[in-house]
Amino acid sequence: MAQPAMSIAELEEFLTREFPQAFHPDSGLSIEEVHHGRAVVRLAYSEKFIRPGGTISGPTMMMLADFALYLAVLSAIGPVALAVTINFNINFLRRPDQRDLIADAGMLKLGKRLAVMEVTLYSHGSDDPVAHVTSTYSIPPNTDG
């Protein structure tokens, strides 16, 4: 298996520099694992993510999934800030518990211009998925020499 294009430390430095509004010490986001084309990330539980009815909101789960997918792309292609989501489909499977959420994202197919991926979200400590996402990212053309 190929080595990741970026380590956890390199991803954290890149995200802090390029996306300080989203990745900062108070965001609750942390990178647990990185492999080539795969990333596992955590979103620390916070009351601010709860919607009426006492469950973690859909937009919160979507943000975590997209974050994990972006890291999976970067782990395969390196630091490309302009890789962007062009398709995102989420299936909410069950109500998440009021605890940390874990996202396990992986590459299904990587081409020159598109990456097709999936991510499964879990409540920390549970093997039962709370959501499943499929997504496609656009990779900008290499403009180097």
N, C-alpha and C. Protein backbone atom coordinates (compact mmCIF):
# COMPACT_ATOMS: atom_id res chain seq x y z
N MET A 1 0.84 -1.19 0.00
CA MET A 1 0.00 0.00 0.00
C MET A 1 0.89 1.25 0.00
N ALA A 2 0.51 2.23 -0.77
CA ALA A 2 1.28 3.47 -0.88
C ALA A 2 1.23 4.27 0.42
N GLN A 3 2.28 5.01 0.65
CA GLN A 3 2.34 5.91 1.80
C GLN A 3 1.43 7.12 1.55
N PRO A 4 0.87 7.71 2.61
CA PRO A 4 0.06 8.92 2.41
C PRO A 4 0.92 10.06 1.87
N ALA A 5 0.32 10.90 1.03
CA ALA A 5 1.02 12.05 0.47
C ALA A 5 1.30 13.11 1.52
N MET A 6 0.53 13.10 2.61
CA MET A 6 0.71 14.05 3.71
C MET A 6 0.51 13.33 5.03
N SER A 7 1.36 13.64 6.01
CA SER A 7 1.22 13.08 7.36
C SER A 7 0.15 13.87 8.13
N ILE A 8 -0.19 13.38 9.31
CA ILE A 8 -1.14 14.10 10.15
C ILE A 8 -0.59 15.50 10.46
N ALA A 9 0.67 15.59 10.82
CA ALA A 9 1.26 16.90 11.14
C ALA A 9 1.24 17.83 9.94
N GLU A 10 1.52 17.32 8.75
CA GLU A 10 1.49 18.15 7.54
C GLU A 10 0.07 18.60 7.22
N LEU A 11 -0.91 17.71 7.40
CA LEU A 11 -2.31 18.09 7.18
C LEU A 11 -2.75 19.16 8.16
N GLU A 12 -2.39 19.00 9.43
CA GLU A 12 -2.76 20.00 10.43
C GLU A 12 -2.16 21.36 10.11
N GLU A 13 -0.90 21.39 9.70
CA GLU A 13 -0.24 22.65 9.36
C GLU A 13 -0.90 23.28 8.14
N PHE A 14 -1.20 22.48 7.13
CA PHE A 14 -1.86 22.95 5.91
C PHE A 14 -3.24 23.52 6.23
N LEU A 15 -4.04 22.79 7.01
CA LEU A 15 -5.39 23.24 7.35
C LEU A 15 -5.37 24.51 8.19
N THR A 16 -4.44 24.59 9.12
CA THR A 16 -4.32 25.78 9.97
C THR A 16 -3.98 27.00 9.12
N ARG A 17 -3.14 26.80 8.12
CA ARG A 17 -2.73 27.92 7.25
C ARG A 17 -3.82 28.28 6.24
N GLU A 18 -4.39 27.28 5.57
CA GLU A 18 -5.33 27.52 4.47
C GLU A 18 -6.78 27.70 4.90
N PHE A 19 -7.17 27.10 6.02
CA PHE A 19 -8.56 27.14 6.47
C PHE A 19 -8.66 27.47 7.97
N PRO A 20 -8.06 28.58 8.40
CA PRO A 20 -8.06 28.90 9.84
C PRO A 20 -9.47 29.13 10.40
N GLN A 21 -10.41 29.51 9.55
CA GLN A 21 -11.78 29.73 10.01
C GLN A 21 -12.48 28.42 10.37
N ALA A 22 -11.99 27.30 9.83
CA ALA A 22 -12.65 26.01 10.06
C ALA A 22 -11.82 25.07 10.93
N PHE A 23 -10.50 25.13 10.82
CA PHE A 23 -9.64 24.21 11.57
C PHE A 23 -8.80 25.02 12.55
N HIS A 24 -9.21 24.99 13.81
CA HIS A 24 -8.53 25.73 14.87
C HIS A 24 -8.79 24.98 16.18
N PRO A 25 -8.10 25.32 17.24
CA PRO A 25 -8.23 24.55 18.49
C PRO A 25 -9.65 24.44 19.03
N ASP A 26 -10.51 25.40 18.76
CA ASP A 26 -11.88 25.35 19.27
C ASP A 26 -12.87 24.69 18.31
N SER A 27 -12.41 24.22 17.16
CA SER A 27 -13.32 23.63 16.17
C SER A 27 -13.84 22.27 16.60
N GLY A 28 -13.10 21.59 17.47
CA GLY A 28 -13.49 20.24 17.88
C GLY A 28 -13.02 19.16 16.93
N LEU A 29 -12.41 19.56 15.81
CA LEU A 29 -11.95 18.60 14.80
C LEU A 29 -10.55 18.12 15.12
N SER A 30 -10.33 16.81 14.99
CA SER A 30 -8.99 16.26 15.13
C SER A 30 -8.82 15.10 14.15
N ILE A 31 -7.60 14.93 13.71
CA ILE A 31 -7.26 13.88 12.76
C ILE A 31 -6.73 12.69 13.54
N GLU A 32 -7.41 11.55 13.43
CA GLU A 32 -7.03 10.35 14.18
C GLU A 32 -6.05 9.47 13.40
N GLU A 33 -6.32 9.28 12.10
CA GLU A 33 -5.49 8.41 11.26
C GLU A 33 -5.44 8.96 9.85
N VAL A 34 -4.33 8.71 9.19
CA VAL A 34 -4.21 9.04 7.77
C VAL A 34 -3.45 7.92 7.08
N HIS A 35 -4.01 7.45 6.00
CA HIS A 35 -3.38 6.45 5.13
C HIS A 35 -3.53 6.99 3.71
N HIS A 36 -2.90 6.38 2.75
CA HIS A 36 -3.05 6.84 1.36
C HIS A 36 -4.51 6.63 0.94
N GLY A 37 -5.22 7.74 0.68
CA GLY A 37 -6.61 7.67 0.26
C GLY A 37 -7.60 7.38 1.37
N ARG A 38 -7.18 7.51 2.61
CA ARG A 38 -8.09 7.24 3.73
C ARG A 38 -7.76 8.16 4.90
N ALA A 39 -8.80 8.60 5.60
CA ALA A 39 -8.64 9.43 6.79
C ALA A 39 -9.73 9.10 7.80
N VAL A 40 -9.34 9.08 9.06
CA VAL A 40 -10.29 8.92 10.15
C VAL A 40 -10.18 10.18 11.00
N VAL A 41 -11.32 10.86 11.20
CA VAL A 41 -11.32 12.10 11.96
C VAL A 41 -12.39 12.06 13.04
N ARG A 42 -12.21 12.94 14.01
CA ARG A 42 -13.13 13.01 15.16
C ARG A 42 -13.66 14.44 15.28
N LEU A 43 -14.92 14.53 15.65
CA LEU A 43 -15.51 15.80 16.05
C LEU A 43 -15.92 15.65 17.50
N ALA A 44 -15.27 16.41 18.37
CA ALA A 44 -15.58 16.35 19.80
C ALA A 44 -17.01 16.83 20.04
N TYR A 45 -17.71 16.11 20.87
CA TYR A 45 -19.09 16.45 21.19
C TYR A 45 -19.18 17.84 21.82
N SER A 46 -20.18 18.58 21.41
CA SER A 46 -20.48 19.88 22.00
C SER A 46 -21.98 20.11 21.95
N GLU A 47 -22.51 20.75 22.97
CA GLU A 47 -23.93 21.10 23.01
C GLU A 47 -24.32 21.96 21.80
N LYS A 48 -23.37 22.72 21.25
CA LYS A 48 -23.69 23.60 20.13
C LYS A 48 -24.07 22.84 18.86
N PHE A 49 -23.81 21.51 18.82
CA PHE A 49 -24.15 20.70 17.65
C PHE A 49 -25.54 20.06 17.76
N ILE A 50 -26.23 20.28 18.88
CA ILE A 50 -27.52 19.62 19.11
C ILE A 50 -28.65 20.42 18.50
N ARG A 51 -29.56 19.71 17.86
CA ARG A 51 -30.76 20.33 17.27
C ARG A 51 -31.95 20.00 18.14
N PRO A 52 -33.10 20.65 17.90
CA PRO A 52 -34.30 20.30 18.66
C PRO A 52 -34.56 18.80 18.53
N GLY A 53 -34.93 18.19 19.63
CA GLY A 53 -35.12 16.75 19.67
C GLY A 53 -33.93 16.04 20.32
N GLY A 54 -32.86 16.81 20.59
CA GLY A 54 -31.74 16.27 21.34
C GLY A 54 -30.75 15.44 20.55
N THR A 55 -30.71 15.61 19.25
CA THR A 55 -29.76 14.84 18.44
C THR A 55 -28.77 15.78 17.77
N ILE A 56 -27.63 15.23 17.34
CA ILE A 56 -26.64 16.02 16.62
C ILE A 56 -27.23 16.38 15.26
N SER A 57 -27.09 17.62 14.87
CA SER A 57 -27.74 18.12 13.65
C SER A 57 -27.15 17.52 12.38
N GLY A 58 -27.98 17.45 11.36
CA GLY A 58 -27.54 16.99 10.04
C GLY A 58 -26.42 17.84 9.47
N PRO A 59 -26.51 19.18 9.51
CA PRO A 59 -25.41 19.99 9.00
C PRO A 59 -24.08 19.73 9.71
N THR A 60 -24.13 19.41 10.99
CA THR A 60 -22.90 19.08 11.72
C THR A 60 -22.30 17.79 11.16
N MET A 61 -23.14 16.79 10.94
CA MET A 61 -22.64 15.52 10.39
C MET A 61 -22.12 15.71 8.96
N MET A 62 -22.78 16.55 8.19
CA MET A 62 -22.34 16.81 6.82
C MET A 62 -20.98 17.52 6.81
N MET A 63 -20.79 18.47 7.72
CA MET A 63 -19.50 19.16 7.81
C MET A 63 -18.40 18.17 8.15
N LEU A 64 -18.63 17.30 9.13
CA LEU A 64 -17.62 16.32 9.51
C LEU A 64 -17.30 15.39 8.35
N ALA A 65 -18.31 14.93 7.65
CA ALA A 65 -18.10 14.03 6.52
C ALA A 65 -17.27 14.71 5.43
N ASP A 66 -17.61 15.95 5.10
CA ASP A 66 -16.87 16.66 4.05
C ASP A 66 -15.42 16.91 4.47
N PHE A 67 -15.21 17.22 5.73
CA PHE A 67 -13.86 17.41 6.25
C PHE A 67 -13.04 16.12 6.09
N ALA A 68 -13.63 15.00 6.48
CA ALA A 68 -12.93 13.71 6.36
C ALA A 68 -12.64 13.36 4.91
N LEU A 69 -13.58 13.64 4.02
CA LEU A 69 -13.38 13.37 2.60
C LEU A 69 -12.25 14.21 2.04
N TYR A 70 -12.20 15.47 2.42
CA TYR A 70 -11.14 16.36 1.95
C TYR A 70 -9.77 15.83 2.38
N LEU A 71 -9.68 15.37 3.62
CA LEU A 71 -8.42 14.82 4.10
C LEU A 71 -8.05 13.54 3.36
N ALA A 72 -9.04 12.72 3.03
CA ALA A 72 -8.76 11.50 2.26
C ALA A 72 -8.19 11.86 0.89
N VAL A 73 -8.74 12.91 0.26
CA VAL A 73 -8.22 13.37 -1.03
C VAL A 73 -6.78 13.84 -0.86
N LEU A 74 -6.54 14.71 0.12
CA LEU A 74 -5.20 15.25 0.32
C LEU A 74 -4.20 14.16 0.66
N SER A 75 -4.65 13.13 1.35
CA SER A 75 -3.74 12.04 1.70
C SER A 75 -3.27 11.27 0.47
N ALA A 76 -4.02 11.41 -0.63
CA ALA A 76 -3.66 10.73 -1.87
C ALA A 76 -2.94 11.64 -2.86
N ILE A 77 -3.30 12.94 -2.89
CA ILE A 77 -2.74 13.82 -3.92
C ILE A 77 -1.82 14.91 -3.38
N GLY A 78 -1.77 15.10 -2.07
CA GLY A 78 -0.94 16.14 -1.49
C GLY A 78 -1.71 17.43 -1.30
N PRO A 79 -1.00 18.52 -0.94
CA PRO A 79 -1.65 19.78 -0.56
C PRO A 79 -2.21 20.56 -1.75
N VAL A 80 -3.45 20.28 -2.07
CA VAL A 80 -4.13 20.95 -3.18
C VAL A 80 -5.35 21.66 -2.58
N ALA A 81 -5.17 22.95 -2.28
CA ALA A 81 -6.24 23.69 -1.60
C ALA A 81 -7.51 23.78 -2.44
N LEU A 82 -7.39 23.78 -3.75
CA LEU A 82 -8.55 23.98 -4.62
C LEU A 82 -9.25 22.70 -5.05
N ALA A 83 -8.93 21.56 -4.43
CA ALA A 83 -9.75 20.36 -4.64
C ALA A 83 -11.09 20.65 -3.96
N VAL A 84 -12.19 20.46 -4.68
CA VAL A 84 -13.50 20.86 -4.15
C VAL A 84 -14.55 19.77 -4.34
N THR A 85 -15.52 19.77 -3.44
CA THR A 85 -16.65 18.87 -3.51
C THR A 85 -17.54 19.27 -4.69
N ILE A 86 -17.87 18.31 -5.55
CA ILE A 86 -18.81 18.60 -6.63
C ILE A 86 -20.09 17.77 -6.52
N ASN A 87 -20.06 16.75 -5.67
CA ASN A 87 -21.24 15.95 -5.42
C ASN A 87 -21.15 15.42 -4.00
N PHE A 88 -22.28 15.44 -3.29
CA PHE A 88 -22.31 14.98 -1.90
C PHE A 88 -23.68 14.40 -1.64
N ASN A 89 -23.73 13.11 -1.30
CA ASN A 89 -25.00 12.45 -1.02
C ASN A 89 -24.90 11.78 0.34
N ILE A 90 -25.82 12.13 1.24
CA ILE A 90 -25.78 11.57 2.60
C ILE A 90 -27.06 10.80 2.89
N ASN A 91 -26.88 9.66 3.55
CA ASN A 91 -27.99 8.88 4.07
C ASN A 91 -27.85 8.87 5.59
N PHE A 92 -28.84 9.43 6.27
CA PHE A 92 -28.87 9.41 7.72
C PHE A 92 -29.48 8.08 8.14
N LEU A 93 -28.73 7.28 8.86
CA LEU A 93 -29.13 5.91 9.15
C LEU A 93 -29.77 5.72 10.51
N ARG A 94 -29.28 6.44 11.50
CA ARG A 94 -29.85 6.37 12.84
C ARG A 94 -29.44 7.60 13.62
N ARG A 95 -30.14 7.83 14.69
CA ARG A 95 -29.87 8.99 15.54
C ARG A 95 -28.51 8.82 16.23
N PRO A 96 -27.60 9.80 16.05
CA PRO A 96 -26.31 9.69 16.73
C PRO A 96 -26.45 9.98 18.23
N ASP A 97 -25.60 9.32 19.01
CA ASP A 97 -25.57 9.58 20.45
C ASP A 97 -24.96 10.94 20.73
N GLN A 98 -25.21 11.46 21.90
CA GLN A 98 -24.61 12.74 22.30
C GLN A 98 -23.20 12.48 22.83
N ARG A 99 -22.31 12.19 21.89
CA ARG A 99 -20.89 11.99 22.18
C ARG A 99 -20.11 12.26 20.91
N ASP A 100 -18.80 12.14 20.98
CA ASP A 100 -17.96 12.42 19.81
C ASP A 100 -18.44 11.63 18.60
N LEU A 101 -18.29 12.25 17.42
CA LEU A 101 -18.56 11.57 16.16
C LEU A 101 -17.24 11.21 15.50
N ILE A 102 -17.19 10.03 14.90
CA ILE A 102 -16.02 9.56 14.18
C ILE A 102 -16.42 9.40 12.71
N ALA A 103 -15.56 9.88 11.82
CA ALA A 103 -15.79 9.74 10.37
C ALA A 103 -14.63 8.94 9.79
N ASP A 104 -14.96 7.88 9.06
CA ASP A 104 -13.96 7.03 8.42
C ASP A 104 -14.17 7.16 6.91
N ALA A 105 -13.27 7.91 6.26
CA ALA A 105 -13.41 8.23 4.83
C ALA A 105 -12.38 7.46 4.02
N GLY A 106 -12.81 6.99 2.85
CA GLY A 106 -11.89 6.27 1.98
C GLY A 106 -12.17 6.51 0.51
N MET A 107 -11.13 6.33 -0.26
CA MET A 107 -11.16 6.53 -1.71
C MET A 107 -11.74 5.29 -2.39
N LEU A 108 -12.68 5.49 -3.29
CA LEU A 108 -13.18 4.40 -4.12
C LEU A 108 -12.47 4.37 -5.46
N LYS A 109 -12.24 5.58 -6.03
CA LYS A 109 -11.53 5.69 -7.31
C LYS A 109 -10.88 7.06 -7.39
N LEU A 110 -9.63 7.07 -7.78
CA LEU A 110 -8.90 8.31 -7.96
C LEU A 110 -8.44 8.41 -9.41
N GLY A 111 -8.94 9.47 -10.08
CA GLY A 111 -8.52 9.74 -11.45
C GLY A 111 -7.69 11.01 -11.50
N LYS A 112 -7.38 11.47 -12.71
CA LYS A 112 -6.60 12.69 -12.85
C LYS A 112 -7.37 13.92 -12.40
N ARG A 113 -8.69 13.94 -12.66
CA ARG A 113 -9.49 15.14 -12.36
C ARG A 113 -10.60 14.92 -11.35
N LEU A 114 -10.93 13.65 -11.06
CA LEU A 114 -12.02 13.36 -10.12
C LEU A 114 -11.60 12.30 -9.11
N ALA A 115 -12.11 12.44 -7.90
CA ALA A 115 -11.94 11.43 -6.86
C ALA A 115 -13.33 11.06 -6.36
N VAL A 116 -13.62 9.77 -6.34
CA VAL A 116 -14.90 9.28 -5.85
C VAL A 116 -14.63 8.59 -4.52
N MET A 117 -15.38 8.99 -3.49
CA MET A 117 -15.10 8.51 -2.14
C MET A 117 -16.37 8.18 -1.39
N GLU A 118 -16.17 7.59 -0.22
CA GLU A 118 -17.27 7.36 0.71
C GLU A 118 -16.77 7.58 2.12
N VAL A 119 -17.70 7.89 3.01
CA VAL A 119 -17.38 8.06 4.42
C VAL A 119 -18.54 7.53 5.25
N THR A 120 -18.19 6.86 6.34
CA THR A 120 -19.18 6.37 7.28
C THR A 120 -18.96 7.08 8.60
N LEU A 121 -20.05 7.56 9.20
CA LEU A 121 -19.99 8.26 10.49
C LEU A 121 -20.53 7.36 11.59
N TYR A 122 -19.87 7.42 12.74
CA TYR A 122 -20.23 6.62 13.90
C TYR A 122 -20.25 7.50 15.14
N SER A 123 -21.08 7.14 16.11
CA SER A 123 -20.94 7.70 17.45
C SER A 123 -19.76 6.98 18.09
N HIS A 124 -18.89 7.73 18.76
CA HIS A 124 -17.71 7.12 19.39
C HIS A 124 -18.12 5.96 20.29
N GLY A 125 -17.45 4.83 20.12
CA GLY A 125 -17.72 3.66 20.95
C GLY A 125 -18.77 2.73 20.39
N SER A 126 -19.37 3.08 19.26
CA SER A 126 -20.40 2.24 18.65
C SER A 126 -19.95 1.77 17.27
N ASP A 127 -20.30 0.54 16.93
CA ASP A 127 -20.01 0.00 15.60
C ASP A 127 -21.15 0.24 14.61
N ASP A 128 -22.26 0.79 15.10
CA ASP A 128 -23.42 1.03 14.25
C ASP A 128 -23.30 2.39 13.57
N PRO A 129 -23.26 2.42 12.23
CA PRO A 129 -23.12 3.71 11.54
C PRO A 129 -24.36 4.59 11.74
N VAL A 130 -24.10 5.91 11.85
CA VAL A 130 -25.21 6.87 11.96
C VAL A 130 -25.48 7.55 10.63
N ALA A 131 -24.50 7.55 9.72
CA ALA A 131 -24.69 8.14 8.40
C ALA A 131 -23.66 7.56 7.44
N HIS A 132 -24.04 7.55 6.16
CA HIS A 132 -23.14 7.11 5.10
C HIS A 132 -23.20 8.13 3.98
N VAL A 133 -22.02 8.49 3.46
CA VAL A 133 -21.92 9.52 2.43
C VAL A 133 -21.13 8.99 1.25
N THR A 134 -21.59 9.31 0.06
CA THR A 134 -20.77 9.15 -1.14
C THR A 134 -20.55 10.55 -1.70
N SER A 135 -19.37 10.75 -2.27
CA SER A 135 -19.02 12.10 -2.71
C SER A 135 -18.01 12.04 -3.84
N THR A 136 -18.02 13.09 -4.64
CA THR A 136 -17.03 13.25 -5.71
C THR A 136 -16.35 14.60 -5.52
N TYR A 137 -15.05 14.59 -5.64
CA TYR A 137 -14.24 15.81 -5.57
C TYR A 137 -13.65 16.08 -6.94
N SER A 138 -13.57 17.35 -7.29
CA SER A 138 -12.88 17.79 -8.49
C SER A 138 -11.46 18.16 -8.10
N ILE A 139 -10.51 17.65 -8.87
CA ILE A 139 -9.10 17.95 -8.63
C ILE A 139 -8.65 18.89 -9.73
N PRO A 140 -8.14 20.08 -9.36
CA PRO A 140 -7.74 21.02 -10.41
C PRO A 140 -6.57 20.47 -11.22
N PRO A 141 -6.46 20.88 -12.47
CA PRO A 141 -5.34 20.40 -13.30
C PRO A 141 -4.02 20.88 -12.72
N ASN A 142 -3.02 20.06 -12.88
CA ASN A 142 -1.66 20.42 -12.43
C ASN A 142 -1.14 21.50 -13.35
N THR A 143 -0.81 22.65 -12.78
CA THR A 143 -0.33 23.77 -13.58
C THR A 143 1.18 23.94 -13.48
N ASP A 144 1.86 22.95 -12.85
CA ASP A 144 3.31 23.01 -12.76
C ASP A 144 3.92 22.81 -14.14
N GLY A 145 4.89 23.68 -14.47
CA GLY A 145 5.68 23.64 -15.69
C GLY A 145 5.22 22.75 -16.72
